[in-house]
Amino acid sequence: MNLDYIVREPENITPDTSILFMLHGYGSNEQDLFSFRESLPEDWIIVSFRAPKTTQFEGYSWYDIDFNNPEKFIDIDQAKESLAAVTENIMKIVNNYGLTTGKTHLCGFSQGGILCYALALQYPDLFSKVACLSCYPEEKLLTDIVKDKKKLQNLRFFVSHGTDDAIIPLEWGRKAADMLYDLSAYFTFREYMSGHGVNQKNYIDLMEFFSK
């Protein structure tokens, strides 16, 4: 499945150029996280995907959500299809640019962040920096993750969550810290006085994470 996306390219692209892939949240679109591009390193390629499913109000989603049924809160089959599609498109884009030695990064918000956990932990050799914003690690998508500490040692996670998040509870977000600690993965976990979103302090810290 080919995913629609928008891209910002630097003036010069070499095999060593870094690339950042962005995955938006439920009901949003590819323009959402793409607004971060002004603050991101100028020599990176920035790619923001559009999720394949349509939602109300002209938005998109990676999978359906059933808010009335906690047991079927997410449609696992659809989520796995989206994971496969994102992986396939990432590989294709990286190959098309000839990025043989550059680093590949991920940034996901809410639904997109949930997919980023699964992507990075299933294919740790593909990624470097991973930002998971206002989301949580979904156990049903993490059945095939790599647990070899040596294979995970190159990953760096930035995890953030709002203390007043009414969509994804802070307690769910905190599960990430426990999981990443158990995996001996490198991570920063930060809580902000905000709802389901990225406030200014969160944004500044995120940009600092990507600039290092």
N, C-alpha and C. Protein backbone atom coordinates (compact mmCIF):
# COMPACT_ATOMS: atom_id res chain seq x y z
N MET A 1 0.84 -1.19 0.00
CA MET A 1 0.00 0.00 0.00
C MET A 1 0.88 1.25 0.00
N ASN A 2 0.71 2.10 -1.01
CA ASN A 2 1.46 3.35 -1.05
C ASN A 2 0.75 4.40 -0.21
N LEU A 3 1.48 5.04 0.67
CA LEU A 3 0.92 6.09 1.51
C LEU A 3 1.21 7.45 0.91
N ASP A 4 0.22 8.36 1.00
CA ASP A 4 0.46 9.74 0.59
C ASP A 4 1.34 10.41 1.63
N TYR A 5 2.18 11.33 1.19
CA TYR A 5 3.02 12.04 2.14
C TYR A 5 3.47 13.37 1.55
N ILE A 6 3.93 14.25 2.43
CA ILE A 6 4.55 15.50 2.00
C ILE A 6 5.99 15.48 2.49
N VAL A 7 6.84 16.22 1.81
CA VAL A 7 8.27 16.13 2.11
C VAL A 7 8.95 17.50 2.03
N ARG A 8 9.92 17.69 2.92
CA ARG A 8 10.82 18.84 2.82
C ARG A 8 12.22 18.30 2.58
N GLU A 9 12.81 18.74 1.51
CA GLU A 9 14.15 18.26 1.17
C GLU A 9 15.19 19.34 1.43
N PRO A 10 16.37 18.97 1.92
CA PRO A 10 17.45 19.95 2.07
C PRO A 10 18.07 20.25 0.70
N GLU A 11 18.93 21.25 0.64
CA GLU A 11 19.56 21.61 -0.63
C GLU A 11 20.41 20.48 -1.18
N ASN A 12 21.14 19.83 -0.29
CA ASN A 12 22.01 18.73 -0.72
C ASN A 12 21.62 17.44 -0.03
N ILE A 13 21.49 16.38 -0.83
CA ILE A 13 21.17 15.06 -0.28
C ILE A 13 22.31 14.11 -0.64
N THR A 14 22.89 13.48 0.38
CA THR A 14 23.98 12.53 0.18
C THR A 14 23.58 11.21 0.83
N PRO A 15 24.35 10.13 0.64
CA PRO A 15 24.04 8.87 1.31
C PRO A 15 24.03 9.00 2.83
N ASP A 16 24.66 10.07 3.35
CA ASP A 16 24.78 10.27 4.79
C ASP A 16 23.69 11.19 5.36
N THR A 17 22.76 11.64 4.51
CA THR A 17 21.69 12.53 4.97
C THR A 17 20.73 11.81 5.92
N SER A 18 20.34 12.49 6.99
CA SER A 18 19.36 11.93 7.92
C SER A 18 17.94 12.21 7.43
N ILE A 19 17.01 11.33 7.81
CA ILE A 19 15.62 11.49 7.39
C ILE A 19 14.71 11.25 8.60
N LEU A 20 13.67 12.05 8.72
CA LEU A 20 12.71 11.93 9.81
C LEU A 20 11.33 11.65 9.23
N PHE A 21 10.70 10.57 9.71
CA PHE A 21 9.34 10.21 9.29
C PHE A 21 8.36 10.57 10.40
N MET A 22 7.25 11.22 10.01
CA MET A 22 6.26 11.68 10.97
C MET A 22 4.93 10.96 10.78
N LEU A 23 4.32 10.55 11.90
CA LEU A 23 3.04 9.86 11.88
C LEU A 23 2.05 10.62 12.77
N HIS A 24 1.03 11.18 12.15
CA HIS A 24 0.06 12.01 12.88
C HIS A 24 -0.92 11.16 13.70
N GLY A 25 -1.77 11.86 14.46
CA GLY A 25 -2.75 11.19 15.31
C GLY A 25 -4.09 11.00 14.63
N TYR A 26 -5.01 10.37 15.36
CA TYR A 26 -6.35 10.06 14.86
C TYR A 26 -7.11 11.33 14.48
N GLY A 27 -7.70 11.32 13.29
CA GLY A 27 -8.53 12.44 12.85
C GLY A 27 -7.76 13.64 12.34
N SER A 28 -6.44 13.50 12.27
CA SER A 28 -5.61 14.61 11.79
C SER A 28 -5.14 14.30 10.37
N ASN A 29 -4.04 14.95 9.95
CA ASN A 29 -3.52 14.68 8.60
C ASN A 29 -2.02 14.97 8.56
N GLU A 30 -1.46 14.83 7.39
CA GLU A 30 -0.01 14.95 7.22
C GLU A 30 0.53 16.35 7.48
N GLN A 31 -0.34 17.36 7.48
CA GLN A 31 0.12 18.74 7.71
C GLN A 31 0.43 19.01 9.18
N ASP A 32 -0.15 18.21 10.06
CA ASP A 32 -0.10 18.48 11.50
C ASP A 32 1.34 18.54 12.03
N LEU A 33 2.03 17.42 12.09
CA LEU A 33 3.40 17.40 12.61
C LEU A 33 4.38 18.08 11.67
N PHE A 34 3.99 18.20 10.40
CA PHE A 34 4.87 18.82 9.40
C PHE A 34 5.18 20.27 9.76
N SER A 35 4.31 20.86 10.59
CA SER A 35 4.54 22.24 11.03
C SER A 35 5.80 22.35 11.90
N PHE A 36 6.29 21.24 12.42
CA PHE A 36 7.53 21.24 13.23
C PHE A 36 8.77 21.50 12.38
N ARG A 37 8.64 21.38 11.06
CA ARG A 37 9.82 21.36 10.19
C ARG A 37 10.69 22.61 10.32
N GLU A 38 10.06 23.74 10.64
CA GLU A 38 10.81 25.00 10.72
C GLU A 38 11.89 24.95 11.80
N SER A 39 11.66 24.14 12.83
CA SER A 39 12.60 24.07 13.96
C SER A 39 13.53 22.87 13.89
N LEU A 40 13.36 22.02 12.90
CA LEU A 40 14.17 20.81 12.79
C LEU A 40 15.43 21.07 11.97
N PRO A 41 16.46 20.25 12.12
CA PRO A 41 17.72 20.47 11.38
C PRO A 41 17.49 20.67 9.88
N GLU A 42 18.11 21.70 9.33
CA GLU A 42 17.88 22.07 7.93
C GLU A 42 18.42 21.04 6.95
N ASP A 43 19.40 20.24 7.39
CA ASP A 43 20.00 19.27 6.46
C ASP A 43 19.30 17.91 6.49
N TRP A 44 18.18 17.81 7.21
CA TRP A 44 17.40 16.56 7.23
C TRP A 44 16.34 16.57 6.13
N ILE A 45 15.99 15.38 5.67
CA ILE A 45 14.77 15.19 4.86
C ILE A 45 13.64 14.97 5.86
N ILE A 46 12.53 15.67 5.71
CA ILE A 46 11.38 15.51 6.59
C ILE A 46 10.22 14.94 5.76
N VAL A 47 9.71 13.79 6.16
CA VAL A 47 8.59 13.14 5.46
C VAL A 47 7.44 12.97 6.44
N SER A 48 6.28 13.49 6.09
CA SER A 48 5.10 13.35 6.94
C SER A 48 4.02 12.55 6.19
N PHE A 49 3.70 11.38 6.73
CA PHE A 49 2.73 10.49 6.09
C PHE A 49 1.30 10.88 6.39
N ARG A 50 0.41 10.54 5.46
CA ARG A 50 -1.03 10.62 5.72
C ARG A 50 -1.52 9.19 5.98
N ALA A 51 -2.25 9.01 7.08
CA ALA A 51 -2.79 7.68 7.39
C ALA A 51 -3.79 7.25 6.32
N PRO A 52 -3.96 5.93 6.13
CA PRO A 52 -4.76 5.45 4.99
C PRO A 52 -6.27 5.48 5.16
N LYS A 53 -6.77 5.54 6.40
CA LYS A 53 -8.22 5.48 6.62
C LYS A 53 -8.79 6.88 6.82
N THR A 54 -10.00 7.10 6.31
CA THR A 54 -10.63 8.41 6.50
C THR A 54 -11.48 8.39 7.77
N THR A 55 -11.59 9.57 8.41
CA THR A 55 -12.43 9.73 9.59
C THR A 55 -13.40 10.88 9.32
N GLN A 56 -14.21 11.19 10.30
CA GLN A 56 -15.12 12.33 10.17
C GLN A 56 -14.32 13.63 10.03
N PHE A 57 -14.97 14.63 9.52
CA PHE A 57 -14.39 15.98 9.42
C PHE A 57 -13.10 16.00 8.62
N GLU A 58 -13.05 15.17 7.58
CA GLU A 58 -11.94 15.18 6.62
C GLU A 58 -10.58 14.88 7.24
N GLY A 59 -10.59 14.05 8.29
CA GLY A 59 -9.33 13.61 8.90
C GLY A 59 -8.98 12.20 8.47
N TYR A 60 -7.89 11.69 9.03
CA TYR A 60 -7.41 10.35 8.68
C TYR A 60 -6.97 9.60 9.93
N SER A 61 -6.96 8.29 9.83
CA SER A 61 -6.51 7.48 10.97
C SER A 61 -5.74 6.26 10.49
N TRP A 62 -4.92 5.73 11.39
CA TRP A 62 -4.14 4.53 11.10
C TRP A 62 -4.96 3.27 11.36
N TYR A 63 -5.97 3.42 12.21
CA TYR A 63 -6.88 2.30 12.50
C TYR A 63 -8.09 2.86 13.24
N ASP A 64 -9.18 2.08 13.23
CA ASP A 64 -10.41 2.51 13.93
C ASP A 64 -10.24 2.38 15.44
N ILE A 65 -10.94 3.25 16.15
CA ILE A 65 -10.96 3.22 17.61
C ILE A 65 -12.40 3.06 18.07
N ASP A 66 -12.63 2.17 19.05
CA ASP A 66 -13.95 2.01 19.64
C ASP A 66 -13.88 2.52 21.08
N PHE A 67 -14.30 3.76 21.27
CA PHE A 67 -14.20 4.38 22.59
C PHE A 67 -15.13 3.73 23.62
N ASN A 68 -16.12 2.97 23.14
CA ASN A 68 -17.09 2.36 24.05
C ASN A 68 -16.71 0.95 24.50
N ASN A 69 -15.64 0.42 23.91
CA ASN A 69 -15.25 -0.95 24.25
C ASN A 69 -13.74 -1.02 24.54
N PRO A 70 -13.35 -0.95 25.81
CA PRO A 70 -11.93 -0.96 26.18
C PRO A 70 -11.19 -2.19 25.64
N GLU A 71 -11.91 -3.32 25.54
CA GLU A 71 -11.27 -4.56 25.07
C GLU A 71 -10.94 -4.47 23.58
N LYS A 72 -11.73 -3.69 22.85
CA LYS A 72 -11.50 -3.52 21.41
C LYS A 72 -11.26 -2.05 21.11
N PHE A 73 -10.52 -1.41 22.01
CA PHE A 73 -10.25 0.01 21.87
C PHE A 73 -9.60 0.31 20.54
N ILE A 74 -8.69 -0.57 20.11
CA ILE A 74 -8.09 -0.36 18.80
C ILE A 74 -8.32 -1.60 17.93
N ASP A 75 -8.44 -1.36 16.63
CA ASP A 75 -8.59 -2.46 15.67
C ASP A 75 -7.19 -2.96 15.33
N ILE A 76 -6.82 -4.09 15.95
CA ILE A 76 -5.45 -4.61 15.84
C ILE A 76 -5.09 -4.97 14.40
N ASP A 77 -6.03 -5.59 13.68
CA ASP A 77 -5.74 -5.98 12.29
C ASP A 77 -5.42 -4.77 11.44
N GLN A 78 -6.23 -3.72 11.60
CA GLN A 78 -5.97 -2.49 10.84
C GLN A 78 -4.64 -1.86 11.25
N ALA A 79 -4.35 -1.89 12.55
CA ALA A 79 -3.09 -1.30 13.03
C ALA A 79 -1.90 -2.05 12.45
N LYS A 80 -2.01 -3.38 12.37
CA LYS A 80 -0.91 -4.17 11.80
C LYS A 80 -0.76 -3.90 10.30
N GLU A 81 -1.87 -3.70 9.61
CA GLU A 81 -1.81 -3.34 8.19
C GLU A 81 -1.10 -2.01 8.01
N SER A 82 -1.43 -1.04 8.87
CA SER A 82 -0.79 0.27 8.78
C SER A 82 0.70 0.17 9.11
N LEU A 83 1.04 -0.66 10.10
CA LEU A 83 2.45 -0.86 10.44
C LEU A 83 3.23 -1.40 9.25
N ALA A 84 2.64 -2.39 8.59
CA ALA A 84 3.29 -2.98 7.42
C ALA A 84 3.45 -1.94 6.31
N ALA A 85 2.41 -1.13 6.11
CA ALA A 85 2.45 -0.11 5.06
C ALA A 85 3.50 0.95 5.36
N VAL A 86 3.56 1.40 6.62
CA VAL A 86 4.55 2.41 6.99
C VAL A 86 5.97 1.86 6.81
N THR A 87 6.19 0.63 7.27
CA THR A 87 7.51 0.01 7.12
C THR A 87 7.91 -0.06 5.65
N GLU A 88 6.98 -0.53 4.82
CA GLU A 88 7.25 -0.67 3.38
C GLU A 88 7.57 0.68 2.74
N ASN A 89 6.80 1.71 3.10
CA ASN A 89 7.01 3.03 2.51
C ASN A 89 8.30 3.67 3.00
N ILE A 90 8.64 3.46 4.26
CA ILE A 90 9.90 3.98 4.79
C ILE A 90 11.08 3.37 4.03
N MET A 91 11.06 2.06 3.86
CA MET A 91 12.16 1.37 3.15
C MET A 91 12.28 1.90 1.72
N LYS A 92 11.12 2.07 1.08
CA LYS A 92 11.10 2.52 -0.31
C LYS A 92 11.67 3.94 -0.44
N ILE A 93 11.26 4.82 0.46
CA ILE A 93 11.72 6.22 0.39
C ILE A 93 13.21 6.32 0.70
N VAL A 94 13.66 5.60 1.73
CA VAL A 94 15.08 5.60 2.08
C VAL A 94 15.93 5.10 0.90
N ASN A 95 15.44 4.04 0.26
CA ASN A 95 16.17 3.48 -0.89
C ASN A 95 16.16 4.44 -2.08
N ASN A 96 15.02 5.08 -2.31
CA ASN A 96 14.92 6.02 -3.44
C ASN A 96 15.89 7.18 -3.30
N TYR A 97 16.11 7.62 -2.06
CA TYR A 97 17.05 8.72 -1.83
C TYR A 97 18.50 8.22 -1.76
N GLY A 98 18.68 6.91 -1.71
CA GLY A 98 20.03 6.36 -1.62
C GLY A 98 20.70 6.64 -0.29
N LEU A 99 19.90 6.64 0.79
CA LEU A 99 20.44 6.96 2.12
C LEU A 99 21.04 5.70 2.76
N THR A 100 22.23 5.38 2.37
CA THR A 100 22.86 4.13 2.83
C THR A 100 23.51 4.26 4.21
N THR A 101 23.95 5.46 4.56
CA THR A 101 24.63 5.63 5.84
C THR A 101 23.97 6.68 6.75
N GLY A 102 22.96 7.38 6.24
CA GLY A 102 22.27 8.39 7.05
C GLY A 102 21.38 7.75 8.10
N LYS A 103 21.03 8.50 9.12
CA LYS A 103 20.18 7.98 10.19
C LYS A 103 18.70 8.22 9.87
N THR A 104 17.88 7.28 10.33
CA THR A 104 16.43 7.36 10.11
C THR A 104 15.74 7.55 11.45
N HIS A 105 14.94 8.62 11.56
CA HIS A 105 14.29 8.95 12.82
C HIS A 105 12.76 8.87 12.68
N LEU A 106 12.08 8.78 13.81
CA LEU A 106 10.62 8.70 13.84
C LEU A 106 10.05 9.72 14.81
N CYS A 107 8.89 10.26 14.48
CA CYS A 107 8.15 11.13 15.41
C CYS A 107 6.67 10.84 15.22
N GLY A 108 6.01 10.42 16.29
CA GLY A 108 4.59 10.11 16.19
C GLY A 108 3.79 10.70 17.33
N PHE A 109 2.59 11.17 17.02
CA PHE A 109 1.69 11.72 18.03
C PHE A 109 0.47 10.82 18.18
N SER A 110 0.11 10.48 19.42
CA SER A 110 -1.09 9.70 19.73
C SER A 110 -1.08 8.37 18.95
N GLN A 111 -2.04 8.16 18.05
CA GLN A 111 -2.03 6.92 17.25
C GLN A 111 -0.70 6.71 16.54
N GLY A 112 -0.16 7.77 15.98
CA GLY A 112 1.11 7.68 15.28
C GLY A 112 2.25 7.28 16.20
N GLY A 113 2.20 7.77 17.45
CA GLY A 113 3.21 7.41 18.44
C GLY A 113 3.14 5.95 18.83
N ILE A 114 1.92 5.42 18.93
CA ILE A 114 1.72 4.00 19.24
C ILE A 114 2.39 3.15 18.17
N LEU A 115 2.24 3.56 16.91
CA LEU A 115 2.88 2.82 15.82
C LEU A 115 4.41 2.97 15.88
N CYS A 116 4.88 4.13 16.32
CA CYS A 116 6.33 4.35 16.40
C CYS A 116 6.99 3.39 17.40
N TYR A 117 6.33 3.15 18.52
CA TYR A 117 6.87 2.16 19.47
C TYR A 117 7.06 0.81 18.78
N ALA A 118 6.01 0.37 18.09
CA ALA A 118 6.05 -0.94 17.43
C ALA A 118 7.11 -0.98 16.34
N LEU A 119 7.18 0.08 15.54
CA LEU A 119 8.16 0.13 14.45
C LEU A 119 9.59 0.05 14.99
N ALA A 120 9.89 0.91 15.96
CA ALA A 120 11.25 0.99 16.47
C ALA A 120 11.68 -0.28 17.20
N LEU A 121 10.76 -0.89 17.92
CA LEU A 121 11.13 -2.07 18.71
C LEU A 121 11.10 -3.36 17.90
N GLN A 122 10.41 -3.34 16.76
CA GLN A 122 10.46 -4.50 15.85
C GLN A 122 11.68 -4.43 14.95
N TYR A 123 12.05 -3.20 14.56
CA TYR A 123 13.17 -3.02 13.61
C TYR A 123 14.18 -2.01 14.16
N PRO A 124 14.80 -2.32 15.31
CA PRO A 124 15.68 -1.33 15.95
C PRO A 124 16.91 -0.98 15.12
N ASP A 125 17.28 -1.87 14.21
CA ASP A 125 18.46 -1.59 13.38
C ASP A 125 18.16 -0.53 12.31
N LEU A 126 16.87 -0.24 12.07
CA LEU A 126 16.51 0.73 11.03
C LEU A 126 16.49 2.17 11.55
N PHE A 127 16.30 2.33 12.88
CA PHE A 127 16.02 3.66 13.41
C PHE A 127 17.04 4.13 14.43
N SER A 128 16.99 5.45 14.68
CA SER A 128 17.92 6.06 15.63
C SER A 128 17.14 6.80 16.72
N LYS A 129 16.66 8.00 16.42
CA LYS A 129 15.88 8.76 17.41
C LYS A 129 14.39 8.55 17.18
N VAL A 130 13.67 8.33 18.29
CA VAL A 130 12.25 8.04 18.20
C VAL A 130 11.50 8.89 19.22
N ALA A 131 10.60 9.75 18.75
CA ALA A 131 9.80 10.59 19.64
C ALA A 131 8.36 10.06 19.66
N CYS A 132 7.89 9.73 20.86
CA CYS A 132 6.53 9.20 21.03
C CYS A 132 5.76 10.18 21.92
N LEU A 133 4.83 10.91 21.32
CA LEU A 133 4.15 12.01 21.99
C LEU A 133 2.70 11.66 22.31
N SER A 134 2.30 11.86 23.56
CA SER A 134 0.89 11.67 23.97
C SER A 134 0.34 10.32 23.52
N CYS A 135 1.06 9.26 23.81
CA CYS A 135 0.63 7.92 23.38
C CYS A 135 1.00 6.88 24.43
N TYR A 136 0.96 5.64 24.07
CA TYR A 136 1.32 4.57 25.00
C TYR A 136 1.77 3.36 24.20
N PRO A 137 2.53 2.45 24.79
CA PRO A 137 2.92 1.23 24.09
C PRO A 137 1.78 0.21 24.13
N GLU A 138 1.25 -0.12 22.99
CA GLU A 138 0.12 -1.07 22.89
C GLU A 138 0.66 -2.50 22.86
N GLU A 139 0.42 -3.24 23.94
CA GLU A 139 0.97 -4.60 24.07
C GLU A 139 0.60 -5.51 22.90
N LYS A 140 -0.59 -5.34 22.35
CA LYS A 140 -1.04 -6.21 21.27
C LYS A 140 -0.27 -5.98 19.98
N LEU A 141 0.46 -4.86 19.91
CA LEU A 141 1.29 -4.59 18.74
C LEU A 141 2.78 -4.85 19.02
N LEU A 142 3.07 -5.29 20.23
CA LEU A 142 4.47 -5.45 20.63
C LEU A 142 4.83 -6.91 20.90
N THR A 143 4.13 -7.81 20.22
CA THR A 143 4.38 -9.24 20.44
C THR A 143 5.65 -9.73 19.76
N ASP A 144 6.13 -9.01 18.75
CA ASP A 144 7.32 -9.46 18.00
C ASP A 144 8.51 -8.53 18.18
N ILE A 145 8.57 -7.85 19.32
CA ILE A 145 9.65 -6.87 19.48
C ILE A 145 10.98 -7.54 19.79
N VAL A 146 12.05 -6.84 19.46
CA VAL A 146 13.40 -7.30 19.73
C VAL A 146 13.74 -7.00 21.19
N LYS A 147 14.29 -7.99 21.90
CA LYS A 147 14.62 -7.77 23.32
C LYS A 147 16.12 -7.88 23.58
N ASP A 148 16.89 -7.98 22.51
CA ASP A 148 18.35 -8.06 22.62
C ASP A 148 18.90 -6.66 22.90
N LYS A 149 19.51 -6.48 24.07
CA LYS A 149 19.99 -5.15 24.48
C LYS A 149 20.97 -4.56 23.47
N LYS A 150 21.82 -5.40 22.90
CA LYS A 150 22.81 -4.90 21.94
C LYS A 150 22.14 -4.32 20.70
N LYS A 151 21.04 -4.94 20.27
CA LYS A 151 20.34 -4.45 19.08
C LYS A 151 19.54 -3.17 19.36
N LEU A 152 19.24 -2.95 20.64
CA LEU A 152 18.46 -1.76 21.00
C LEU A 152 19.33 -0.58 21.41
N GLN A 153 20.64 -0.81 21.51
CA GLN A 153 21.50 0.21 22.11
C GLN A 153 21.65 1.48 21.29
N ASN A 154 21.34 1.43 20.00
CA ASN A 154 21.46 2.64 19.17
C ASN A 154 20.19 3.48 19.13
N LEU A 155 19.11 2.96 19.73
CA LEU A 155 17.85 3.71 19.76
C LEU A 155 17.87 4.74 20.89
N ARG A 156 17.27 5.89 20.64
CA ARG A 156 17.09 6.92 21.66
C ARG A 156 15.63 7.36 21.63
N PHE A 157 14.93 7.18 22.74
CA PHE A 157 13.51 7.53 22.80
C PHE A 157 13.29 8.84 23.56
N PHE A 158 12.40 9.66 23.03
CA PHE A 158 11.88 10.83 23.75
C PHE A 158 10.39 10.59 23.92
N VAL A 159 9.94 10.48 25.16
CA VAL A 159 8.54 10.18 25.44
C VAL A 159 7.94 11.34 26.24
N SER A 160 6.82 11.87 25.77
CA SER A 160 6.19 12.97 26.51
C SER A 160 4.69 12.73 26.63
N HIS A 161 4.13 13.28 27.72
CA HIS A 161 2.69 13.11 27.96
C HIS A 161 2.17 14.28 28.79
N GLY A 162 0.94 14.67 28.51
CA GLY A 162 0.30 15.74 29.27
C GLY A 162 -0.32 15.20 30.55
N THR A 163 -0.16 15.93 31.65
CA THR A 163 -0.71 15.47 32.93
C THR A 163 -2.23 15.47 32.94
N ASP A 164 -2.83 16.27 32.06
CA ASP A 164 -4.30 16.37 32.01
C ASP A 164 -4.86 15.81 30.72
N ASP A 165 -4.18 14.82 30.16
CA ASP A 165 -4.63 14.21 28.91
C ASP A 165 -5.93 13.44 29.14
N ALA A 166 -7.00 13.90 28.47
CA ALA A 166 -8.31 13.26 28.64
C ALA A 166 -8.56 12.18 27.59
N ILE A 167 -7.68 12.05 26.61
CA ILE A 167 -7.85 11.06 25.54
C ILE A 167 -7.09 9.77 25.87
N ILE A 168 -5.80 9.92 26.17
CA ILE A 168 -4.96 8.78 26.57
C ILE A 168 -4.44 9.10 27.97
N PRO A 169 -4.92 8.38 29.00
CA PRO A 169 -4.55 8.70 30.38
C PRO A 169 -3.04 8.68 30.61
N LEU A 170 -2.59 9.55 31.50
CA LEU A 170 -1.17 9.63 31.83
C LEU A 170 -0.63 8.28 32.30
N GLU A 171 -1.47 7.52 33.02
CA GLU A 171 -1.03 6.21 33.51
C GLU A 171 -0.65 5.28 32.36
N TRP A 172 -1.39 5.39 31.26
CA TRP A 172 -1.06 4.57 30.08
C TRP A 172 0.29 5.00 29.51
N GLY A 173 0.49 6.31 29.43
CA GLY A 173 1.75 6.82 28.90
C GLY A 173 2.94 6.39 29.75
N ARG A 174 2.74 6.35 31.06
CA ARG A 174 3.83 5.98 31.97
C ARG A 174 4.29 4.53 31.78
N LYS A 175 3.42 3.72 31.21
CA LYS A 175 3.82 2.32 30.94
C LYS A 175 5.06 2.25 30.07
N ALA A 176 5.25 3.28 29.24
CA ALA A 176 6.40 3.30 28.34
C ALA A 176 7.70 3.32 29.12
N ALA A 177 7.73 4.09 30.21
CA ALA A 177 8.96 4.19 31.00
C ALA A 177 9.32 2.82 31.58
N ASP A 178 8.32 2.12 32.09
CA ASP A 178 8.58 0.78 32.64
C ASP A 178 9.07 -0.18 31.56
N MET A 179 8.40 -0.15 30.42
CA MET A 179 8.77 -1.06 29.33
C MET A 179 10.18 -0.78 28.83
N LEU A 180 10.49 0.48 28.56
CA LEU A 180 11.80 0.84 28.02
C LEU A 180 12.91 0.58 29.04
N TYR A 181 12.59 0.78 30.31
CA TYR A 181 13.56 0.49 31.37
C TYR A 181 13.86 -1.01 31.40
N ASP A 182 12.81 -1.82 31.31
CA ASP A 182 12.97 -3.28 31.32
C ASP A 182 13.78 -3.76 30.11
N LEU A 183 13.68 -3.04 28.99
CA LEU A 183 14.41 -3.41 27.78
C LEU A 183 15.84 -2.85 27.78
N SER A 184 16.16 -2.07 28.82
CA SER A 184 17.46 -1.39 28.91
C SER A 184 17.68 -0.44 27.73
N ALA A 185 16.59 0.13 27.24
CA ALA A 185 16.69 1.09 26.13
C ALA A 185 16.95 2.49 26.70
N TYR A 186 17.60 3.34 25.89
CA TYR A 186 17.85 4.72 26.31
C TYR A 186 16.59 5.55 26.06
N PHE A 187 16.14 6.24 27.10
CA PHE A 187 14.93 7.04 26.91
C PHE A 187 14.88 8.21 27.88
N THR A 188 14.14 9.24 27.48
CA THR A 188 13.78 10.36 28.34
C THR A 188 12.27 10.37 28.42
N PHE A 189 11.74 10.40 29.64
CA PHE A 189 10.28 10.45 29.81
C PHE A 189 9.93 11.75 30.52
N ARG A 190 9.07 12.54 29.90
CA ARG A 190 8.72 13.83 30.49
C ARG A 190 7.21 14.07 30.50
N GLU A 191 6.76 14.65 31.59
CA GLU A 191 5.34 15.00 31.75
C GLU A 191 5.22 16.53 31.73
N TYR A 192 4.14 17.00 31.09
CA TYR A 192 3.93 18.44 30.96
C TYR A 192 2.52 18.81 31.43
N MET A 193 2.38 20.02 31.91
CA MET A 193 1.08 20.52 32.34
C MET A 193 0.27 20.87 31.10
N SER A 194 -0.31 19.85 30.49
CA SER A 194 -1.08 20.07 29.27
C SER A 194 -2.08 18.94 29.10
N GLY A 195 -2.93 19.07 28.08
CA GLY A 195 -3.89 18.03 27.76
C GLY A 195 -3.31 17.10 26.70
N HIS A 196 -4.16 16.71 25.74
CA HIS A 196 -3.73 15.81 24.67
C HIS A 196 -3.12 16.66 23.56
N GLY A 197 -1.88 17.05 23.76
CA GLY A 197 -1.24 17.92 22.79
C GLY A 197 0.20 18.19 23.19
N VAL A 198 0.84 19.09 22.44
CA VAL A 198 2.24 19.44 22.68
C VAL A 198 2.30 20.92 23.05
N ASN A 199 2.61 21.22 24.31
CA ASN A 199 2.71 22.63 24.69
C ASN A 199 4.11 23.17 24.36
N GLN A 200 4.33 24.45 24.66
CA GLN A 200 5.57 25.10 24.21
C GLN A 200 6.81 24.45 24.82
N LYS A 201 6.77 24.14 26.11
CA LYS A 201 7.94 23.53 26.77
C LYS A 201 8.20 22.14 26.16
N ASN A 202 7.16 21.40 25.93
CA ASN A 202 7.27 20.07 25.31
C ASN A 202 7.92 20.21 23.93
N TYR A 203 7.48 21.21 23.18
CA TYR A 203 8.01 21.44 21.83
C TYR A 203 9.51 21.77 21.88
N ILE A 204 9.88 22.65 22.78
CA ILE A 204 11.29 23.05 22.92
C ILE A 204 12.15 21.84 23.27
N ASP A 205 11.67 21.02 24.22
CA ASP A 205 12.43 19.83 24.62
C ASP A 205 12.54 18.82 23.48
N LEU A 206 11.46 18.70 22.70
CA LEU A 206 11.47 17.79 21.56
C LEU A 206 12.49 18.23 20.52
N MET A 207 12.52 19.51 20.21
CA MET A 207 13.47 20.03 19.23
C MET A 207 14.92 19.89 19.72
N GLU A 208 15.11 20.04 21.02
CA GLU A 208 16.44 19.85 21.59
C GLU A 208 16.88 18.38 21.42
N PHE A 209 15.94 17.46 21.63
CA PHE A 209 16.21 16.04 21.46
C PHE A 209 16.67 15.73 20.04
N PHE A 210 15.98 16.31 19.05
CA PHE A 210 16.33 16.03 17.65
C PHE A 210 17.58 16.79 17.21
N SER A 211 17.94 17.84 17.90
CA SER A 211 19.10 18.63 17.46
C SER A 211 20.43 18.09 17.98
N LYS A 212 20.38 17.23 18.99
CA LYS A 212 21.63 16.72 19.59
C LYS A 212 22.33 15.74 18.66
